[in-house]
Amino acid sequence: MLALRPNCECCDRDLAFDSADARICTFECTFCADCVETRLGGACPNCGGNFSPRPIRPAALLAKFPASTERVFKPI
């Protein structure tokens, strides 16, 4: 199950569980679309992998499977 991290690791922008701007790599490193496109060149700075849009968890399942509240911030 994806952690659905609450922020961009690069700029610390908030990314809600249903954000269409969230991008993840295969290790769930989480970034906003703007950082992926303008700062990272489409490659994860942690693992070198590519990004995909983060899936959106149905709101009805959030009570049983909540999004993470742990923020990861590694400014580049």
PDB file of N, CA and C in Angstrom:
ATOM      1  N   MET A   1       0.844  -1.169   0.000  1.00  0.00           N
ATOM      2  CA  MET A   1       0.000   0.000   0.000  1.00  0.00           C
ATOM      3  C   MET A   1       0.895   1.239   0.000  1.00  0.00           C
ATOM      4  N   LEU A   2       0.596   2.182  -0.859  1.00  0.00           N
ATOM      5  CA  LEU A   2       1.374   3.417  -0.944  1.00  0.00           C
ATOM      6  C   LEU A   2       1.198   4.267   0.312  1.00  0.00           C
ATOM      7  N   ALA A   3       2.278   4.928   0.704  1.00  0.00           N
ATOM      8  CA  ALA A   3       2.236   5.773   1.900  1.00  0.00           C
ATOM      9  C   ALA A   3       1.473   7.073   1.664  1.00  0.00           C
ATOM     10  N   LEU A   4       1.414   7.552   0.437  1.00  0.00           N
ATOM     11  CA  LEU A   4       0.785   8.839   0.107  1.00  0.00           C
ATOM     12  C   LEU A   4       1.386   9.960   0.966  1.00  0.00           C
ATOM     13  N   ARG A   5       2.670  10.174   0.787  1.00  0.00           N
ATOM     14  CA  ARG A   5       3.371  11.199   1.563  1.00  0.00           C
ATOM     15  C   ARG A   5       2.764  12.575   1.317  1.00  0.00           C
ATOM     16  N   PRO A   6       2.786  13.436   2.336  1.00  0.00           N
ATOM     17  CA  PRO A   6       2.033  14.692   2.277  1.00  0.00           C
ATOM     18  C   PRO A   6       2.737  15.886   1.638  1.00  0.00           C
ATOM     19  N   ASN A   7       3.969  15.695   1.120  1.00  0.00           N
ATOM     20  CA  ASN A   7       4.681  16.869   0.596  1.00  0.00           C
ATOM     21  C   ASN A   7       5.691  16.484  -0.471  1.00  0.00           C
ATOM     22  N   CYS A   8       6.148  17.507  -1.186  1.00  0.00           N
ATOM     23  CA  CYS A   8       7.215  17.357  -2.173  1.00  0.00           C
ATOM     24  C   CYS A   8       8.545  17.337  -1.424  1.00  0.00           C
ATOM     25  N   GLU A   9       9.375  16.354  -1.705  1.00  0.00           N
ATOM     26  CA  GLU A   9      10.674  16.246  -1.035  1.00  0.00           C
ATOM     27  C   GLU A   9      11.627  17.367  -1.423  1.00  0.00           C
ATOM     28  N   CYS A  10      11.376  18.010  -2.544  1.00  0.00           N
ATOM     29  CA  CYS A  10      12.284  19.047  -3.044  1.00  0.00           C
ATOM     30  C   CYS A  10      11.915  20.442  -2.537  1.00  0.00           C
ATOM     31  N   CYS A  11      10.659  20.837  -2.693  1.00  0.00           N
ATOM     32  CA  CYS A  11      10.256  22.211  -2.341  1.00  0.00           C
ATOM     33  C   CYS A  11       9.352  22.275  -1.105  1.00  0.00           C
ATOM     34  N   ASP A  12       8.971  21.136  -0.558  1.00  0.00           N
ATOM     35  CA  ASP A  12       8.112  21.015   0.627  1.00  0.00           C
ATOM     36  C   ASP A  12       6.671  21.470   0.396  1.00  0.00           C
ATOM     37  N   ARG A  13       6.269  21.565  -0.856  1.00  0.00           N
ATOM     38  CA  ARG A  13       4.877  21.914  -1.177  1.00  0.00           C
ATOM     39  C   ARG A  13       3.948  20.826  -0.652  1.00  0.00           C
ATOM     40  N   ASP A  14       2.825  21.222  -0.081  1.00  0.00           N
ATOM     41  CA  ASP A  14       1.821  20.269   0.377  1.00  0.00           C
ATOM     42  C   ASP A  14       1.216  19.530  -0.814  1.00  0.00           C
ATOM     43  N   LEU A  15       1.061  18.215  -0.662  1.00  0.00           N
ATOM     44  CA  LEU A  15       0.432  17.383  -1.688  1.00  0.00           C
ATOM     45  C   LEU A  15      -0.644  16.542  -1.006  1.00  0.00           C
ATOM     46  N   ALA A  16      -1.878  16.946  -1.162  1.00  0.00           N
ATOM     47  CA  ALA A  16      -2.995  16.226  -0.552  1.00  0.00           C
ATOM     48  C   ALA A  16      -3.080  14.806  -1.112  1.00  0.00           C
ATOM     49  N   PHE A  17      -3.759  13.928  -0.396  1.00  0.00           N
ATOM     50  CA  PHE A  17      -3.883  12.529  -0.817  1.00  0.00           C
ATOM     51  C   PHE A  17      -4.463  12.396  -2.216  1.00  0.00           C
ATOM     52  N   ASP A  18      -5.254  13.388  -2.632  1.00  0.00           N
ATOM     53  CA  ASP A  18      -5.903  13.328  -3.944  1.00  0.00           C
ATOM     54  C   ASP A  18      -5.305  14.314  -4.948  1.00  0.00           C
ATOM     55  N   SER A  19      -4.087  14.762  -4.695  1.00  0.00           N
ATOM     56  CA  SER A  19      -3.449  15.737  -5.578  1.00  0.00           C
ATOM     57  C   SER A  19      -3.082  15.123  -6.930  1.00  0.00           C
ATOM     58  N   ALA A  20      -3.502  15.770  -7.980  1.00  0.00           N
ATOM     59  CA  ALA A  20      -3.131  15.339  -9.335  1.00  0.00           C
ATOM     60  C   ALA A  20      -1.707  15.776  -9.670  1.00  0.00           C
ATOM     61  N   ASP A  21      -1.089  16.598  -8.834  1.00  0.00           N
ATOM     62  CA  ASP A  21       0.270  17.087  -9.071  1.00  0.00           C
ATOM     63  C   ASP A  21       1.336  16.229  -8.406  1.00  0.00           C
ATOM     64  N   ALA A  22       0.974  15.193  -7.673  1.00  0.00           N
ATOM     65  CA  ALA A  22       1.953  14.343  -6.993  1.00  0.00           C
ATOM     66  C   ALA A  22       2.556  13.339  -7.971  1.00  0.00           C
ATOM     67  N   ARG A  23       3.878  13.170  -7.878  1.00  0.00           N
ATOM     68  CA  ARG A  23       4.604  12.197  -8.694  1.00  0.00           C
ATOM     69  C   ARG A  23       5.424  11.312  -7.764  1.00  0.00           C
ATOM     70  N   ILE A  24       5.527  10.019  -8.108  1.00  0.00           N
ATOM     71  CA  ILE A  24       6.313   9.091  -7.300  1.00  0.00           C
ATOM     72  C   ILE A  24       7.223   8.267  -8.200  1.00  0.00           C
ATOM     73  N   CYS A  25       8.325   7.787  -7.597  1.00  0.00           N
ATOM     74  CA  CYS A  25       9.193   6.832  -8.282  1.00  0.00           C
ATOM     75  C   CYS A  25       8.875   5.441  -7.718  1.00  0.00           C
ATOM     76  N   THR A  26       9.614   4.457  -8.123  1.00  0.00           N
ATOM     77  CA  THR A  26       9.349   3.092  -7.684  1.00  0.00           C
ATOM     78  C   THR A  26       9.571   2.890  -6.189  1.00  0.00           C
ATOM     79  N   PHE A  27      10.350   3.781  -5.537  1.00  0.00           N
ATOM     80  CA  PHE A  27      10.571   3.688  -4.103  1.00  0.00           C
ATOM     81  C   PHE A  27       9.654   4.628  -3.317  1.00  0.00           C
ATOM     82  N   GLU A  28       8.664   5.212  -3.980  1.00  0.00           N
ATOM     83  CA  GLU A  28       7.694   6.130  -3.389  1.00  0.00           C
ATOM     84  C   GLU A  28       8.289   7.479  -2.998  1.00  0.00           C
ATOM     85  N   CYS A  29       9.462   7.809  -3.531  1.00  0.00           N
ATOM     86  CA  CYS A  29       9.951   9.176  -3.347  1.00  0.00           C
ATOM     87  C   CYS A  29       8.879  10.061  -3.962  1.00  0.00           C
ATOM     88  N   THR A  30       8.516  11.130  -3.291  1.00  0.00           N
ATOM     89  CA  THR A  30       7.364  11.921  -3.698  1.00  0.00           C
ATOM     90  C   THR A  30       7.766  13.360  -3.997  1.00  0.00           C
ATOM     91  N   PHE A  31       7.367  13.835  -5.163  1.00  0.00           N
ATOM     92  CA  PHE A  31       7.689  15.183  -5.607  1.00  0.00           C
ATOM     93  C   PHE A  31       6.476  15.780  -6.310  1.00  0.00           C
ATOM     94  N   CYS A  32       6.436  17.105  -6.402  1.00  0.00           N
ATOM     95  CA  CYS A  32       5.363  17.757  -7.157  1.00  0.00           C
ATOM     96  C   CYS A  32       5.739  17.746  -8.638  1.00  0.00           C
ATOM     97  N   ALA A  33       4.740  17.863  -9.483  1.00  0.00           N
ATOM     98  CA  ALA A  33       4.966  17.841 -10.927  1.00  0.00           C
ATOM     99  C   ALA A  33       5.912  18.962 -11.359  1.00  0.00           C
ATOM    100  N   ASP A  34       5.799  20.131 -10.741  1.00  0.00           N
ATOM    101  CA  ASP A  34       6.653  21.259 -11.115  1.00  0.00           C
ATOM    102  C   ASP A  34       8.129  20.939 -10.870  1.00  0.00           C
ATOM    103  N   CYS A  35       8.469  20.393  -9.710  1.00  0.00           N
ATOM    104  CA  CYS A  35       9.869  20.043  -9.418  1.00  0.00           C
ATOM    105  C   CYS A  35      10.363  18.941 -10.349  1.00  0.00           C
ATOM    106  N   VAL A  36       9.530  17.944 -10.614  1.00  0.00           N
ATOM    107  CA  VAL A  36       9.923  16.854 -11.518  1.00  0.00           C
ATOM    108  C   VAL A  36      10.284  17.411 -12.890  1.00  0.00           C
ATOM    109  N   GLU A  37       9.482  18.347 -13.389  1.00  0.00           N
ATOM    110  CA  GLU A  37       9.689  18.876 -14.736  1.00  0.00           C
ATOM    111  C   GLU A  37      10.771  19.950 -14.814  1.00  0.00           C
ATOM    112  N   THR A  38      10.856  20.820 -13.800  1.00  0.00           N
ATOM    113  CA  THR A  38      11.763  21.967 -13.918  1.00  0.00           C
ATOM    114  C   THR A  38      13.089  21.801 -13.184  1.00  0.00           C
ATOM    115  N   ARG A  39      13.119  21.043 -12.121  1.00  0.00           N
ATOM    116  CA  ARG A  39      14.354  20.921 -11.335  1.00  0.00           C
ATOM    117  C   ARG A  39      15.026  19.559 -11.474  1.00  0.00           C
ATOM    118  N   LEU A  40      14.244  18.515 -11.649  1.00  0.00           N
ATOM    119  CA  LEU A  40      14.798  17.166 -11.600  1.00  0.00           C
ATOM    120  C   LEU A  40      14.974  16.518 -12.965  1.00  0.00           C
ATOM    121  N   GLY A  41      14.466  17.141 -13.999  1.00  0.00           N
ATOM    122  CA  GLY A  41      14.622  16.580 -15.344  1.00  0.00           C
ATOM    123  C   GLY A  41      14.003  15.204 -15.511  1.00  0.00           C
ATOM    124  N   GLY A  42      12.988  14.899 -14.709  1.00  0.00           N
ATOM    125  CA  GLY A  42      12.274  13.639 -14.850  1.00  0.00           C
ATOM    126  C   GLY A  42      12.945  12.441 -14.198  1.00  0.00           C
ATOM    127  N   ALA A  43      14.071  12.657 -13.502  1.00  0.00           N
ATOM    128  CA  ALA A  43      14.770  11.548 -12.838  1.00  0.00           C
ATOM    129  C   ALA A  43      14.808  11.777 -11.330  1.00  0.00           C
ATOM    130  N   CYS A  44      14.538  10.733 -10.568  1.00  0.00           N
ATOM    131  CA  CYS A  44      14.552  10.833  -9.108  1.00  0.00           C
ATOM    132  C   CYS A  44      15.982  11.063  -8.620  1.00  0.00           C
ATOM    133  N   PRO A  45      16.203  12.087  -7.802  1.00  0.00           N
ATOM    134  CA  PRO A  45      17.552  12.349  -7.305  1.00  0.00           C
ATOM    135  C   PRO A  45      18.018  11.320  -6.273  1.00  0.00           C
ATOM    136  N   ASN A  46      17.102  10.541  -5.736  1.00  0.00           N
ATOM    137  CA  ASN A  46      17.451   9.539  -4.731  1.00  0.00           C
ATOM    138  C   ASN A  46      17.859   8.204  -5.349  1.00  0.00           C
ATOM    139  N   CYS A  47      17.134   7.774  -6.380  1.00  0.00           N
ATOM    140  CA  CYS A  47      17.396   6.442  -6.944  1.00  0.00           C
ATOM    141  C   CYS A  47      17.704   6.454  -8.440  1.00  0.00           C
ATOM    142  N   GLY A  48      17.460   7.586  -9.109  1.00  0.00           N
ATOM    143  CA  GLY A  48      17.718   7.676 -10.543  1.00  0.00           C
ATOM    144  C   GLY A  48      16.577   7.180 -11.408  1.00  0.00           C
ATOM    145  N   GLY A  49      15.506   6.701 -10.781  1.00  0.00           N
ATOM    146  CA  GLY A  49      14.360   6.181 -11.533  1.00  0.00           C
ATOM    147  C   GLY A  49      13.486   7.286 -12.107  1.00  0.00           C
ATOM    148  N   ASN A  50      12.513   6.868 -12.897  1.00  0.00           N
ATOM    149  CA  ASN A  50      11.571   7.827 -13.479  1.00  0.00           C
ATOM    150  C   ASN A  50      10.364   8.002 -12.562  1.00  0.00           C
ATOM    151  N   PHE A  51       9.472   8.880 -12.958  1.00  0.00           N
ATOM    152  CA  PHE A  51       8.288   9.199 -12.154  1.00  0.00           C
ATOM    153  C   PHE A  51       7.006   8.842 -12.880  1.00  0.00           C
ATOM    154  N   SER A  52       5.986   8.584 -12.074  1.00  0.00           N
ATOM    155  CA  SER A  52       4.629   8.366 -12.561  1.00  0.00           C
ATOM    156  C   SER A  52       3.691   9.192 -11.701  1.00  0.00           C
ATOM    157  N   PRO A  53       2.535   9.556 -12.246  1.00  0.00           N
ATOM    158  CA  PRO A  53       1.547  10.229 -11.397  1.00  0.00           C
ATOM    159  C   PRO A  53       1.175   9.299 -10.233  1.00  0.00           C
ATOM    160  N   ARG A  54       1.058   9.864  -9.042  1.00  0.00           N
ATOM    161  CA  ARG A  54       0.697   9.054  -7.883  1.00  0.00           C
ATOM    162  C   ARG A  54      -0.781   8.701  -7.960  1.00  0.00           C
ATOM    163  N   PRO A  55      -1.133   7.425  -7.777  1.00  0.00           N
ATOM    164  CA  PRO A  55      -2.547   7.046  -7.779  1.00  0.00           C
ATOM    165  C   PRO A  55      -3.296   7.741  -6.649  1.00  0.00           C
ATOM    166  N   ILE A  56      -4.567   7.940  -6.850  1.00  0.00           N
ATOM    167  CA  ILE A  56      -5.410   8.586  -5.846  1.00  0.00           C
ATOM    168  C   ILE A  56      -6.211   7.513  -5.121  1.00  0.00           C
ATOM    169  N   ARG A  57      -6.037   7.459  -3.799  1.00  0.00           N
ATOM    170  CA  ARG A  57      -6.781   6.500  -2.983  1.00  0.00           C
ATOM    171  C   ARG A  57      -8.223   6.981  -2.860  1.00  0.00           C
ATOM    172  N   PRO A  58      -9.193   6.110  -3.081  1.00  0.00           N
ATOM    173  CA  PRO A  58     -10.591   6.514  -2.929  1.00  0.00           C
ATOM    174  C   PRO A  58     -10.852   7.052  -1.520  1.00  0.00           C
ATOM    175  N   ALA A  59     -11.564   8.150  -1.443  1.00  0.00           N
ATOM    176  CA  ALA A  59     -11.844   8.802  -0.160  1.00  0.00           C
ATOM    177  C   ALA A  59     -12.523   7.849   0.825  1.00  0.00           C
ATOM    178  N   ALA A  60     -13.314   6.934   0.337  1.00  0.00           N
ATOM    179  CA  ALA A  60     -14.019   5.992   1.216  1.00  0.00           C
ATOM    180  C   ALA A  60     -13.053   5.052   1.945  1.00  0.00           C
ATOM    181  N   LEU A  61     -11.836   4.906   1.447  1.00  0.00           N
ATOM    182  CA  LEU A  61     -10.871   4.000   2.078  1.00  0.00           C
ATOM    183  C   LEU A  61      -9.867   4.719   2.982  1.00  0.00           C
ATOM    184  N   LEU A  62      -9.931   6.038   3.034  1.00  0.00           N
ATOM    185  CA  LEU A  62      -8.965   6.795   3.839  1.00  0.00           C
ATOM    186  C   LEU A  62      -9.078   6.550   5.332  1.00  0.00           C
ATOM    187  N   ALA A  63     -10.258   6.290   5.831  1.00  0.00           N
ATOM    188  CA  ALA A  63     -10.410   6.036   7.264  1.00  0.00           C
ATOM    189  C   ALA A  63      -9.692   4.736   7.653  1.00  0.00           C
ATOM    190  N   LYS A  64      -9.815   3.729   6.831  1.00  0.00           N
ATOM    191  CA  LYS A  64      -9.178   2.441   7.109  1.00  0.00           C
ATOM    192  C   LYS A  64      -7.696   2.444   6.732  1.00  0.00           C
ATOM    193  N   PHE A  65      -7.355   3.157   5.659  1.00  0.00           N
ATOM    194  CA  PHE A  65      -5.986   3.222   5.154  1.00  0.00           C
ATOM    195  C   PHE A  65      -5.587   4.682   4.963  1.00  0.00           C
ATOM    196  N   PRO A  66      -5.276   5.394   6.058  1.00  0.00           N
ATOM    197  CA  PRO A  66      -4.985   6.834   5.960  1.00  0.00           C
ATOM    198  C   PRO A  66      -3.673   7.130   5.242  1.00  0.00           C
ATOM    199  N   ALA A  67      -3.609   8.326   4.687  1.00  0.00           N
ATOM    200  CA  ALA A  67      -2.380   8.811   4.063  1.00  0.00           C
ATOM    201  C   ALA A  67      -1.353   9.096   5.149  1.00  0.00           C
ATOM    202  N   SER A  68      -0.088   9.037   4.795  1.00  0.00           N
ATOM    203  CA  SER A  68       0.988   9.310   5.737  1.00  0.00           C
ATOM    204  C   SER A  68       0.983  10.784   6.146  1.00  0.00           C
ATOM    205  N   THR A  69       1.438  11.052   7.358  1.00  0.00           N
ATOM    206  CA  THR A  69       1.618  12.433   7.818  1.00  0.00           C
ATOM    207  C   THR A  69       3.107  12.757   7.960  1.00  0.00           C
ATOM    208  N   GLU A  70       3.964  11.778   7.682  1.00  0.00           N
ATOM    209  CA  GLU A  70       5.412  11.965   7.801  1.00  0.00           C
ATOM    210  C   GLU A  70       5.949  12.741   6.600  1.00  0.00           C
ATOM    211  N   ARG A  71       6.521  13.897   6.888  1.00  0.00           N
ATOM    212  CA  ARG A  71       7.065  14.741   5.836  1.00  0.00           C
ATOM    213  C   ARG A  71       8.532  14.389   5.603  1.00  0.00           C
ATOM    214  N   VAL A  72       8.914  14.302   4.327  1.00  0.00           N
ATOM    215  CA  VAL A  72      10.303  14.097   3.933  1.00  0.00           C
ATOM    216  C   VAL A  72      10.707  15.329   3.142  1.00  0.00           C
ATOM    217  N   PHE A  73      11.797  15.976   3.551  1.00  0.00           N
ATOM    218  CA  PHE A  73      12.220  17.202   2.882  1.00  0.00           C
ATOM    219  C   PHE A  73      13.734  17.166   2.710  1.00  0.00           C
ATOM    220  N   LYS A  74      14.168  17.124   1.445  1.00  0.00           N
ATOM    221  CA  LYS A  74      15.591  17.099   1.098  1.00  0.00           C
ATOM    222  C   LYS A  74      15.807  18.132  -0.004  1.00  0.00           C
ATOM    223  N   PRO A  75      15.905  19.406   0.354  1.00  0.00           N
ATOM    224  CA  PRO A  75      16.034  20.437  -0.689  1.00  0.00           C
ATOM    225  C   PRO A  75      17.249  20.188  -1.572  1.00  0.00           C
ATOM    226  N   ILE A  76      17.056  20.450  -2.844  1.00  0.00           N
ATOM    227  CA  ILE A  76      18.130  20.229  -3.813  1.00  0.00           C
ATOM    228  C   ILE A  76      18.806  21.550  -4.150  1.00  0.00           C
TER     229      ILE A  76
END
